[in-house]
Amino acid sequence: MTLLLHALTAVLWFLFLERATGLAFRSAVVAALFAIHPVNVESVAWAAERKNVLCTLFFVLGLWAYRWYVQNPSLKRYSIVGGAFVLGLMSKPMVVTFPFVLLLMDYWPLARLRYSDFNPSAESTENFASRPFARLILEKLPLFALSAGSAVITIIAQRTDYAIRGEYSFPERAANAIVSYARYLGKAVWPSHLAVIYPFPFKGLPTWEVVGASALLLLLTTAVFTLKQKRYFAFGWFWFLGTLVPTIGLVQVGEQAMADRYAYIPFIGLFIAVVWGSADWVGSTKHSQAYLSVAAVTVLVAFSVAARIQIGYWQNNVALWTHTVSITHNNFVAENNLGAGLLAQNRVHEARQHFQAGIDINPKDPRSLLDIGVCDMALGNNQSAVEHYQAVLRVSHDLMLRSLAFSNLGTIYRTSGENGAAAQNYIASLTMAPQNALALYGMGLVAQKTGKLDHAIIYYANGVQAEPSDVGLILLAQALAKNRRSSEAQTVFAKAKKLSRDIDAATQAAGELLSK
């Protein structure tokens, strides 16, 4: 589905650019670059990023609607522009820069901006009525209001989920943003060593990198202003700079310094600037257009090969995170995710090594501390597991992580026969996450062991509702049967048989839980 959406969006980019500029070959090359650029593999291959592809689809549809609107401005047409924008925001708030992009379109290729030394007919296939810049801003105030509202809601939601990281100072975030802009440029031209996450340099960036990246950005911006008669350069460059602002890290969300998926829309600006600039350069040198065609095909073939290789890393979690660990440095997030992939394959010793590597890089990473505790429990080292879970509670404010730490502590105490301590930890877990199935089932086991069968039935039933499982259903059925509610017990056990792949193994697992 995501691939189809991506392909449809690429076609729409071509049709939009061709209609707006009248240049089919250039538009086709830009659309092809968007379709096969290796950086876009992440957005298409990662199911969770379907929202990225979907919001871009509404983004380009909004641009289509805006061009239609400026042909004959009306409230009806404007509302369609706004509707496409709202759908994009609902898909992913990354498109908050949409009104800014419309202003760029007024500059080029629509040429609506009144400009004393600019001849619209030189670069536009359509002659729209020009407007003063203030009038164009006023026209888009409702859209800017939508952007502001979406930004506020997003920030509030991310603060609530503790996604916004406050441990990095603004100078650190600004330095990372500058260097990331330069690195995105590098990925656009030479898309190698692509990773699912590039770790934030929490130990700081070398001064030379920040200075070098600043000089590069300043040089390119100066060149754009020098070439002001070629308005597509300014259009493409400021499209790239502007559409990256929400994700460049000035407000740090998550552990990444940058991400390939964030370039999905911004790279369109670079593609336009490079393709239009190359075509005009070839034309000015009197070379045959065949040179441009050969160059375009060569680049597209090279990018296709690189994209095919990149797709291979997305075959499973272990392959993806093994690749990421191999090409990045000090990447505790990648170490943790590789460990999680190995743990899912029951390769506990290997998983623990990667969790420990994550802790060595960042001793305060609560996810690695939690997961290494899971490994310790599986290996029978409960004391080490307790120490790691207690470390999670010291360093993390994330309610779900804290809930998991408490529920795992409850399980350790329960299996050690310390039912009082187990119950205290399970209750603490449920206070933070009432739908934590592990804590609900754990409380059911504690209640049943202490003779509170009615309470056990309630906890098992809530656990089944939160996270249905054959073992949970069997626990509930057995508790109902012991409480002389045989009809209900039979109904629940029938559900367990229907859900289970191996009812005998599930029954044995339930018995083992009750015996511990």
Protein backbone atom coordinates (compact mmCIF):
# COMPACT_ATOMS: atom_id res chain seq x y z
CA MET A 1 0.00 0.00 0.00
CA THR A 2 2.77 2.42 0.94
CA LEU A 3 4.61 1.67 -2.29
CA LEU A 4 1.47 2.47 -4.30
CA LEU A 5 1.03 5.76 -2.43
CA HIS A 6 4.68 6.61 -3.07
CA ALA A 7 4.33 5.83 -6.79
CA LEU A 8 1.14 7.89 -7.01
CA THR A 9 2.85 10.81 -5.28
CA ALA A 10 5.77 10.64 -7.74
CA VAL A 11 3.31 10.80 -10.67
CA LEU A 12 1.57 13.78 -9.08
CA TRP A 13 4.90 15.58 -8.65
CA PHE A 14 5.55 15.13 -12.37
CA LEU A 15 2.10 16.32 -13.42
CA PHE A 16 2.19 19.29 -11.06
CA LEU A 17 5.62 20.50 -12.18
CA GLU A 18 4.85 19.94 -15.85
CA ARG A 19 1.63 21.94 -15.60
CA ALA A 20 3.26 24.72 -13.58
CA THR A 21 6.36 25.11 -15.78
CA GLY A 22 5.49 23.54 -19.14
CA LEU A 23 8.78 21.56 -19.04
CA ALA A 24 8.02 17.84 -19.26
CA PHE A 25 11.57 16.40 -19.34
CA ARG A 26 12.78 18.34 -16.31
CA SER A 27 9.62 17.53 -14.40
CA ALA A 28 9.98 13.83 -15.23
CA VAL A 29 13.57 13.76 -13.96
CA VAL A 30 12.59 15.44 -10.68
CA ALA A 31 9.73 12.96 -10.20
CA ALA A 32 12.02 10.03 -11.02
CA LEU A 33 14.62 11.23 -8.52
CA PHE A 34 11.92 11.42 -5.89
CA ALA A 35 10.65 7.96 -6.81
CA ILE A 36 13.97 6.08 -6.60
CA HIS A 37 16.28 8.12 -4.37
CA PRO A 38 17.76 5.75 -1.74
CA VAL A 39 17.03 8.19 1.10
CA ASN A 40 13.31 7.63 0.49
CA VAL A 41 13.58 3.88 1.08
CA GLU A 42 13.00 4.42 4.80
CA SER A 43 9.69 6.22 4.26
CA VAL A 44 8.41 3.51 1.93
CA ALA A 45 9.83 0.36 3.56
CA TRP A 46 8.97 1.26 7.16
CA ALA A 47 5.28 0.57 7.75
CA ALA A 48 5.18 3.09 10.61
CA GLU A 49 6.15 5.84 8.16
CA ARG A 50 3.15 5.38 5.90
CA LYS A 51 2.00 8.62 7.53
CA ASN A 52 5.01 10.33 5.92
CA VAL A 53 4.02 9.17 2.45
CA LEU A 54 0.36 9.98 3.08
CA CYS A 55 1.02 13.53 4.30
CA THR A 56 3.22 14.15 1.25
CA LEU A 57 0.41 12.96 -1.01
CA PHE A 58 -1.93 15.56 0.54
CA PHE A 59 0.91 18.11 0.38
CA VAL A 60 1.26 17.82 -3.40
CA LEU A 61 -2.52 17.71 -3.82
CA GLY A 62 -2.61 20.98 -1.87
CA LEU A 63 -0.10 22.48 -4.30
CA TRP A 64 -2.30 21.34 -7.18
CA ALA A 65 -5.30 22.96 -5.51
CA TYR A 66 -3.38 26.18 -4.92
CA ARG A 67 -2.40 26.50 -8.58
CA TRP A 68 -6.07 25.92 -9.45
CA TYR A 69 -7.07 28.57 -6.91
CA VAL A 70 -4.76 31.28 -8.29
CA GLN A 71 -6.19 30.76 -11.77
CA ASN A 72 -9.53 32.05 -10.51
CA PRO A 73 -9.45 32.91 -6.78
CA SER A 74 -12.62 32.04 -4.87
CA LEU A 75 -13.60 30.94 -1.40
CA LYS A 76 -14.56 27.49 -2.68
CA ARG A 77 -11.18 26.90 -4.27
CA TYR A 78 -9.36 28.31 -1.25
CA SER A 79 -11.28 25.95 1.05
CA ILE A 80 -10.06 23.00 -1.03
CA VAL A 81 -6.48 24.19 -0.55
CA GLY A 82 -7.13 24.40 3.19
CA GLY A 83 -8.81 20.98 3.20
CA ALA A 84 -5.80 19.32 1.60
CA PHE A 85 -3.56 21.05 4.14
CA VAL A 86 -5.69 19.86 7.06
CA LEU A 87 -5.59 16.27 5.76
CA GLY A 88 -1.81 16.55 5.49
CA LEU A 89 -1.55 17.82 9.07
CA MET A 90 -3.79 15.00 10.28
CA SER A 91 -1.49 12.50 8.59
CA LYS A 92 1.71 14.00 10.01
CA PRO A 93 2.35 17.55 11.29
CA MET A 94 5.61 17.72 9.34
CA VAL A 95 3.70 19.65 6.61
CA VAL A 96 3.26 22.75 8.82
CA THR A 97 5.53 24.56 6.34
CA PHE A 98 2.87 24.29 3.59
CA PRO A 99 1.93 28.04 3.66
CA PHE A 100 5.62 28.92 3.40
CA VAL A 101 5.91 26.71 0.31
CA LEU A 102 2.91 28.49 -1.24
CA LEU A 103 4.77 31.78 -0.86
CA LEU A 104 7.73 30.22 -2.66
CA MET A 105 5.36 29.16 -5.43
CA ASP A 106 4.17 32.76 -5.70
CA TYR A 107 7.81 33.65 -6.32
CA TRP A 108 8.38 30.78 -8.77
CA PRO A 109 6.93 29.27 -10.89
CA LEU A 110 3.58 31.09 -10.55
CA ALA A 111 5.24 34.53 -10.55
CA ARG A 112 2.52 36.20 -8.48
CA LEU A 113 4.96 38.27 -6.46
CA ARG A 114 5.13 41.88 -7.66
CA TYR A 115 8.80 42.55 -8.24
CA SER A 116 10.16 45.62 -9.99
CA ASP A 117 13.01 44.02 -11.93
CA PHE A 118 11.31 40.72 -12.69
CA ASN A 119 9.69 39.81 -15.97
CA PRO A 120 7.15 37.04 -15.26
CA SER A 121 6.99 35.87 -18.83
CA ALA A 122 10.67 34.94 -18.71
CA GLU A 123 10.14 32.01 -16.33
CA SER A 124 6.43 31.26 -16.16
CA THR A 125 4.11 29.63 -18.66
CA GLU A 126 1.11 31.35 -17.11
CA ASN A 127 0.51 35.02 -16.38
CA PHE A 128 -1.22 35.36 -13.04
CA ALA A 129 -2.07 38.73 -11.54
CA SER A 130 0.87 39.91 -9.45
CA ARG A 131 0.38 40.95 -5.85
CA PRO A 132 2.45 42.84 -3.26
CA PHE A 133 4.20 40.57 -0.78
CA ALA A 134 2.01 41.82 2.10
CA ARG A 135 -1.13 40.88 0.14
CA LEU A 136 0.20 37.39 -0.47
CA ILE A 137 0.97 36.97 3.25
CA LEU A 138 -2.50 38.18 4.17
CA GLU A 139 -4.01 35.69 1.74
CA LYS A 140 -2.38 32.83 3.63
CA LEU A 141 -3.05 33.92 7.20
CA PRO A 142 -5.72 31.21 7.76
CA LEU A 143 -3.21 28.58 6.65
CA PHE A 144 -0.51 30.02 8.90
CA ALA A 145 -3.04 29.87 11.76
CA LEU A 146 -3.55 26.17 11.05
CA SER A 147 0.22 25.68 11.07
CA ALA A 148 0.57 27.45 14.41
CA GLY A 149 -2.26 25.46 15.96
CA SER A 150 -0.82 22.17 14.75
CA ALA A 151 2.63 23.10 16.05
CA VAL A 152 1.29 23.94 19.51
CA ILE A 153 -0.76 20.72 19.72
CA THR A 154 2.21 18.64 18.57
CA ILE A 155 4.59 20.18 21.11
CA ILE A 156 2.08 19.68 23.94
CA ALA A 157 1.56 16.05 22.95
CA GLN A 158 5.29 15.39 22.71
CA ARG A 159 5.93 17.00 26.08
CA THR A 160 3.22 14.84 27.60
CA ASP A 161 4.90 11.72 26.17
CA TYR A 162 8.35 12.96 27.28
CA ALA A 163 9.46 12.85 23.64
CA ILE A 164 11.01 16.34 23.76
CA ARG A 165 14.53 16.08 25.13
CA GLY A 166 15.51 18.85 27.52
CA GLU A 167 19.04 17.74 28.30
CA TYR A 168 20.54 19.40 25.22
CA SER A 169 21.17 23.15 25.33
CA PHE A 170 20.03 25.41 22.49
CA PRO A 171 23.65 25.99 21.27
CA GLU A 172 24.07 22.20 21.06
CA ARG A 173 20.80 21.83 19.15
CA ALA A 174 21.64 24.73 16.83
CA ALA A 175 25.09 23.27 16.09
CA ASN A 176 23.54 19.90 15.29
CA ALA A 177 20.95 21.57 13.02
CA ILE A 178 23.65 23.35 11.02
CA VAL A 179 25.73 20.19 10.61
CA SER A 180 22.63 18.15 9.78
CA TYR A 181 21.72 20.54 6.94
CA ALA A 182 25.15 19.91 5.45
CA ARG A 183 24.83 16.15 5.96
CA TYR A 184 21.43 16.10 4.25
CA LEU A 185 23.06 17.80 1.28
CA GLY A 186 25.69 15.08 1.27
CA LYS A 187 23.05 12.34 1.41
CA ALA A 188 21.21 13.94 -1.51
CA VAL A 189 24.30 13.84 -3.71
CA TRP A 190 26.00 10.70 -2.38
CA PRO A 191 23.41 8.50 -0.59
CA SER A 192 25.71 6.04 1.17
CA HIS A 193 25.87 4.85 4.78
CA LEU A 194 22.14 5.39 5.18
CA ALA A 195 20.89 4.44 8.62
CA VAL A 196 17.50 4.20 10.27
CA ILE A 197 18.77 6.51 13.02
CA TYR A 198 21.73 8.85 13.25
CA PRO A 199 22.47 9.40 16.97
CA PHE A 200 22.44 12.87 18.45
CA PRO A 201 26.03 13.89 19.30
CA PHE A 202 25.38 14.18 23.05
CA LYS A 203 29.15 14.47 23.60
CA GLY A 204 29.26 17.51 21.33
CA LEU A 205 30.34 18.23 17.75
CA PRO A 206 33.87 19.17 16.68
CA THR A 207 34.17 22.91 16.09
CA TRP A 208 35.54 22.36 12.60
CA GLU A 209 32.37 20.50 11.56
CA VAL A 210 30.11 23.32 12.72
CA VAL A 211 32.30 25.98 11.11
CA GLY A 212 32.61 24.01 7.86
CA ALA A 213 28.86 23.34 7.65
CA SER A 214 28.10 27.01 8.39
CA ALA A 215 30.48 28.12 5.65
CA LEU A 216 28.89 25.72 3.16
CA LEU A 217 25.35 26.92 3.91
CA LEU A 218 26.44 30.56 3.73
CA LEU A 219 28.24 29.98 0.42
CA LEU A 220 25.21 28.28 -1.16
CA THR A 221 22.83 30.94 0.11
CA THR A 222 25.08 33.67 -1.30
CA ALA A 223 25.20 31.85 -4.64
CA VAL A 224 21.40 31.68 -4.72
CA PHE A 225 21.12 35.43 -4.25
CA THR A 226 23.82 36.01 -6.87
CA LEU A 227 21.79 33.95 -9.36
CA LYS A 228 18.54 35.73 -8.55
CA GLN A 229 17.53 35.87 -12.21
CA LYS A 230 17.27 32.09 -12.09
CA ARG A 231 14.47 32.06 -9.58
CA TYR A 232 14.23 28.29 -9.39
CA PHE A 233 17.53 28.29 -7.47
CA ALA A 234 16.04 30.38 -4.66
CA PHE A 235 12.81 28.38 -4.85
CA GLY A 236 14.59 25.03 -4.50
CA TRP A 237 17.11 26.15 -1.90
CA PHE A 238 14.62 27.80 0.43
CA TRP A 239 12.19 24.91 -0.08
CA PHE A 240 14.94 22.61 1.23
CA LEU A 241 15.89 24.87 4.14
CA GLY A 242 12.33 25.76 5.09
CA THR A 243 10.61 22.38 4.93
CA LEU A 244 13.33 20.86 7.12
CA VAL A 245 12.82 23.40 9.93
CA PRO A 246 10.17 21.36 11.82
CA THR A 247 12.47 18.31 11.99
CA ILE A 248 15.95 19.85 12.00
CA GLY A 249 16.22 19.54 15.77
CA LEU A 250 15.94 23.08 17.11
CA VAL A 251 13.29 21.46 19.28
CA GLN A 252 14.85 18.07 19.95
CA VAL A 253 12.41 15.18 19.73
CA GLY A 254 13.81 11.71 20.28
CA GLU A 255 17.42 10.58 20.12
CA GLN A 256 18.15 11.19 16.42
CA ALA A 257 20.35 13.96 15.07
CA MET A 258 18.65 13.61 11.68
CA ALA A 259 16.62 11.00 9.81
CA ASP A 260 16.25 9.93 6.18
CA ARG A 261 12.45 10.13 6.42
CA TYR A 262 12.68 13.84 7.22
CA ALA A 263 14.15 14.48 3.75
CA TYR A 264 11.12 13.05 1.92
CA ILE A 265 9.63 16.47 1.08
CA PRO A 266 12.72 18.76 1.44
CA PHE A 267 14.74 16.96 -1.24
CA ILE A 268 12.16 17.92 -3.87
CA GLY A 269 13.50 21.48 -3.65
CA LEU A 270 17.07 20.33 -4.22
CA PHE A 271 16.02 18.13 -7.14
CA ILE A 272 14.26 21.07 -8.82
CA ALA A 273 17.22 23.41 -8.35
CA VAL A 274 19.75 20.88 -9.68
CA VAL A 275 17.68 19.63 -12.63
CA TRP A 276 16.59 23.10 -13.80
CA GLY A 277 20.09 24.49 -13.27
CA SER A 278 21.76 21.63 -15.15
CA ALA A 279 19.34 21.92 -18.05
CA ASP A 280 19.89 25.66 -18.36
CA TRP A 281 23.66 25.23 -18.13
CA VAL A 282 23.65 22.66 -20.94
CA GLY A 283 21.50 25.00 -23.01
CA SER A 284 23.80 27.96 -22.42
CA THR A 285 26.89 26.00 -23.50
CA LYS A 286 25.27 24.92 -26.78
CA HIS A 287 25.82 21.27 -25.95
CA SER A 288 23.37 18.71 -27.22
CA GLN A 289 20.50 17.90 -24.90
CA ALA A 290 21.57 14.28 -25.33
CA TYR A 291 24.35 14.95 -22.78
CA LEU A 292 21.73 15.93 -20.23
CA SER A 293 19.68 12.83 -20.98
CA VAL A 294 22.69 10.55 -20.59
CA ALA A 295 23.66 12.22 -17.32
CA ALA A 296 20.11 11.92 -15.98
CA VAL A 297 19.84 8.24 -16.90
CA THR A 298 23.27 7.51 -15.36
CA VAL A 299 22.32 9.15 -12.06
CA LEU A 300 18.93 7.44 -11.98
CA VAL A 301 20.47 4.01 -12.64
CA ALA A 302 23.08 4.57 -9.92
CA PHE A 303 20.42 5.66 -7.43
CA SER A 304 18.26 2.67 -8.38
CA VAL A 305 21.10 0.26 -7.61
CA ALA A 306 21.80 2.00 -4.30
CA ALA A 307 18.08 1.94 -3.42
CA ARG A 308 17.89 -1.78 -4.18
CA ILE A 309 20.79 -2.41 -1.81
CA GLN A 310 19.19 -0.24 0.85
CA ILE A 311 15.90 -2.15 0.58
CA GLY A 312 17.79 -5.33 1.46
CA TYR A 313 18.61 -4.01 4.92
CA TRP A 314 14.88 -3.78 5.70
CA GLN A 315 14.19 -7.52 5.43
CA ASN A 316 14.03 -7.95 9.24
CA ASN A 317 14.92 -6.18 12.47
CA VAL A 318 18.21 -7.96 13.00
CA ALA A 319 19.46 -7.15 9.48
CA LEU A 320 18.33 -3.52 9.74
CA TRP A 321 19.91 -2.81 13.12
CA THR A 322 23.06 -4.82 12.41
CA HIS A 323 23.63 -2.57 9.41
CA THR A 324 22.89 0.54 11.48
CA VAL A 325 25.32 -0.47 14.22
CA SER A 326 28.02 -1.16 11.62
CA ILE A 327 27.86 2.26 9.94
CA THR A 328 27.21 4.58 12.90
CA HIS A 329 29.15 5.35 16.06
CA ASN A 330 28.03 5.64 19.69
CA ASN A 331 24.54 4.62 18.63
CA PHE A 332 22.96 3.26 21.81
CA VAL A 333 19.48 3.30 20.22
CA ALA A 334 20.67 0.99 17.43
CA GLU A 335 22.43 -1.27 19.95
CA ASN A 336 19.23 -1.53 21.96
CA ASN A 337 17.04 -2.26 18.94
CA LEU A 338 19.47 -4.89 17.67
CA GLY A 339 19.37 -6.47 21.11
CA ALA A 340 15.56 -6.45 21.01
CA GLY A 341 15.61 -8.20 17.62
CA LEU A 342 17.98 -10.86 18.92
CA LEU A 343 15.93 -11.30 22.09
CA ALA A 344 12.81 -11.89 19.98
CA GLN A 345 14.74 -14.76 18.37
CA ASN A 346 15.58 -16.09 21.87
CA ARG A 347 19.29 -15.28 21.37
CA VAL A 348 19.50 -13.99 24.93
CA HIS A 349 23.29 -13.94 25.41
CA GLU A 350 23.86 -12.03 22.15
CA ALA A 351 21.01 -9.65 22.96
CA ARG A 352 22.48 -8.89 26.38
CA GLN A 353 25.82 -7.96 24.82
CA HIS A 354 24.15 -5.30 22.69
CA PHE A 355 22.06 -3.98 25.58
CA GLN A 356 25.27 -3.67 27.58
CA ALA A 357 26.92 -1.88 24.65
CA GLY A 358 24.03 0.60 24.68
CA ILE A 359 24.50 1.18 28.42
CA ASP A 360 28.25 1.64 27.96
CA ILE A 361 27.50 4.42 25.46
CA ASN A 362 24.70 6.00 27.49
CA PRO A 363 24.49 4.73 31.10
CA LYS A 364 21.22 6.64 31.58
CA ASP A 365 19.33 5.05 28.70
CA PRO A 366 16.24 3.59 30.43
CA ARG A 367 15.29 1.33 27.52
CA SER A 368 18.65 -0.49 27.54
CA LEU A 369 18.52 -0.76 31.34
CA LEU A 370 15.04 -2.27 31.16
CA ASP A 371 15.90 -4.73 28.40
CA ILE A 372 19.11 -5.95 29.98
CA GLY A 373 17.02 -6.68 33.07
CA VAL A 374 14.75 -8.85 30.91
CA CYS A 375 17.82 -10.77 29.73
CA ASP A 376 19.04 -11.19 33.30
CA MET A 377 15.65 -12.60 34.32
CA ALA A 378 15.77 -15.06 31.42
CA LEU A 379 19.28 -16.11 32.45
CA GLY A 380 18.24 -16.54 36.09
CA ASN A 381 20.26 -13.60 37.41
CA ASN A 382 17.43 -11.95 39.35
CA GLN A 383 19.64 -9.77 41.54
CA SER A 384 21.19 -8.09 38.51
CA ALA A 385 17.73 -7.69 36.97
CA VAL A 386 16.44 -5.96 40.12
CA GLU A 387 19.38 -3.54 40.05
CA HIS A 388 18.72 -2.66 36.43
CA TYR A 389 14.96 -2.17 36.95
CA GLN A 390 15.66 0.09 39.93
CA ALA A 391 18.06 2.06 37.72
CA VAL A 392 15.21 2.54 35.20
CA LEU A 393 13.04 4.02 37.97
CA ARG A 394 15.84 6.42 38.92
CA VAL A 395 16.53 7.80 35.46
CA SER A 396 13.22 7.61 33.55
CA HIS A 397 10.11 9.78 33.67
CA ASP A 398 8.38 7.77 30.94
CA LEU A 399 5.25 6.29 32.54
CA MET A 400 5.21 3.19 30.34
CA LEU A 401 8.86 2.36 30.96
CA ARG A 402 8.38 2.88 34.69
CA SER A 403 5.27 0.70 34.59
CA LEU A 404 7.19 -2.09 32.86
CA ALA A 405 10.03 -1.83 35.38
CA PHE A 406 7.57 -2.12 38.29
CA SER A 407 5.72 -5.04 36.70
CA ASN A 408 8.97 -6.91 36.05
CA LEU A 409 10.06 -6.31 39.64
CA GLY A 410 6.67 -7.67 40.71
CA THR A 411 7.31 -10.82 38.68
CA ILE A 412 10.71 -11.36 40.30
CA TYR A 413 9.24 -11.01 43.79
CA ARG A 414 6.26 -13.21 42.91
CA THR A 415 8.44 -16.05 41.63
CA SER A 416 10.54 -15.71 44.79
CA GLY A 417 7.46 -16.18 46.95
CA GLU A 418 7.40 -12.57 48.20
CA ASN A 419 3.75 -11.95 47.40
CA GLY A 420 3.46 -8.72 49.42
CA ALA A 421 6.37 -7.07 47.61
CA ALA A 422 5.07 -8.43 44.31
CA ALA A 423 1.64 -6.91 44.87
CA GLN A 424 3.14 -3.53 45.80
CA ASN A 425 5.12 -3.39 42.56
CA TYR A 426 2.22 -4.61 40.42
CA ILE A 427 -0.05 -1.95 41.93
CA ALA A 428 2.58 0.74 41.29
CA SER A 429 2.78 -0.48 37.68
CA LEU A 430 -0.99 -0.33 37.20
CA THR A 431 -1.13 3.16 38.70
CA MET A 432 1.03 4.34 35.80
CA ALA A 433 -0.41 2.10 33.06
CA PRO A 434 -3.79 0.54 34.00
CA GLN A 435 -3.73 -1.62 30.85
CA ASN A 436 -0.35 -3.24 31.56
CA ALA A 437 -1.32 -6.87 30.93
CA LEU A 438 1.77 -8.28 32.65
CA ALA A 439 0.88 -6.47 35.87
CA LEU A 440 -2.79 -7.50 35.60
CA TYR A 441 -1.95 -11.17 35.12
CA GLY A 442 0.66 -10.91 37.87
CA MET A 443 -1.86 -9.45 40.32
CA GLY A 444 -4.25 -12.26 39.37
CA LEU A 445 -1.60 -14.87 40.20
CA VAL A 446 -0.80 -13.19 43.53
CA ALA A 447 -4.49 -12.94 44.41
CA GLN A 448 -5.09 -16.60 43.54
CA LYS A 449 -2.10 -17.75 45.57
CA THR A 450 -3.28 -15.78 48.59
CA GLY A 451 -6.79 -17.24 48.38
CA LYS A 452 -8.54 -14.20 46.88
CA LEU A 453 -10.10 -16.05 43.97
CA ASP A 454 -12.74 -13.40 43.21
CA HIS A 455 -10.03 -10.75 42.90
CA ALA A 456 -7.94 -13.08 40.73
CA ILE A 457 -10.84 -13.55 38.30
CA ILE A 458 -11.24 -9.77 37.97
CA TYR A 459 -7.54 -9.24 37.31
CA TYR A 460 -7.38 -12.11 34.79
CA ALA A 461 -10.45 -10.77 32.98
CA ASN A 462 -8.93 -7.28 32.79
CA GLY A 463 -5.65 -8.79 31.57
CA VAL A 464 -7.43 -10.69 28.80
CA GLN A 465 -9.23 -7.50 27.81
CA ALA A 466 -5.97 -5.53 27.70
CA GLU A 467 -3.95 -8.18 25.88
CA PRO A 468 -5.75 -11.39 24.87
CA SER A 469 -3.61 -14.52 25.11
CA ASP A 470 -4.26 -18.25 25.30
CA VAL A 471 -2.38 -18.53 28.60
CA GLY A 472 -4.34 -15.64 30.10
CA LEU A 473 -7.64 -17.16 28.99
CA ILE A 474 -6.67 -20.52 30.49
CA LEU A 475 -5.78 -18.84 33.81
CA LEU A 476 -9.18 -17.14 33.78
CA ALA A 477 -10.99 -20.36 32.85
CA GLN A 478 -9.29 -22.34 35.63
CA ALA A 479 -10.06 -19.63 38.20
CA LEU A 480 -13.71 -19.60 37.12
CA ALA A 481 -13.87 -23.38 37.37
CA LYS A 482 -12.43 -23.33 40.90
CA ASN A 483 -15.03 -20.70 41.77
CA ARG A 484 -17.75 -23.13 40.58
CA ARG A 485 -18.61 -21.03 37.53
CA SER A 486 -18.23 -23.97 35.18
CA SER A 487 -20.39 -22.64 32.33
CA GLU A 488 -18.35 -19.45 32.11
CA ALA A 489 -15.15 -21.44 32.44
CA GLN A 490 -16.08 -23.63 29.47
CA THR A 491 -16.86 -20.58 27.34
CA VAL A 492 -13.54 -18.95 28.18
CA PHE A 493 -11.60 -22.17 27.58
CA ALA A 494 -13.25 -22.50 24.16
CA LYS A 495 -11.94 -19.01 23.33
CA ALA A 496 -8.48 -20.10 24.47
CA LYS A 497 -8.57 -23.14 22.17
CA LYS A 498 -9.67 -20.97 19.27
CA LEU A 499 -6.88 -18.45 19.90
CA SER A 500 -4.09 -20.90 20.70
CA ARG A 501 -1.74 -22.57 18.25
CA ASP A 502 -0.87 -25.22 20.86
CA ILE A 503 -3.43 -25.50 23.64
CA ASP A 504 -1.47 -28.18 25.48
CA ALA A 505 1.65 -26.00 25.66
CA ALA A 506 -0.47 -23.03 26.78
CA THR A 507 -2.09 -25.14 29.51
CA GLN A 508 1.33 -26.27 30.69
CA ALA A 509 2.57 -22.65 30.73
CA ALA A 510 -0.42 -21.61 32.83
CA GLY A 511 0.28 -24.42 35.27
CA GLU A 512 3.92 -23.37 35.58
CA LEU A 513 2.88 -19.78 36.36
CA LEU A 514 0.60 -20.98 39.14
CA SER A 515 3.26 -23.30 40.56
CA LYS A 516 5.94 -20.61 40.91
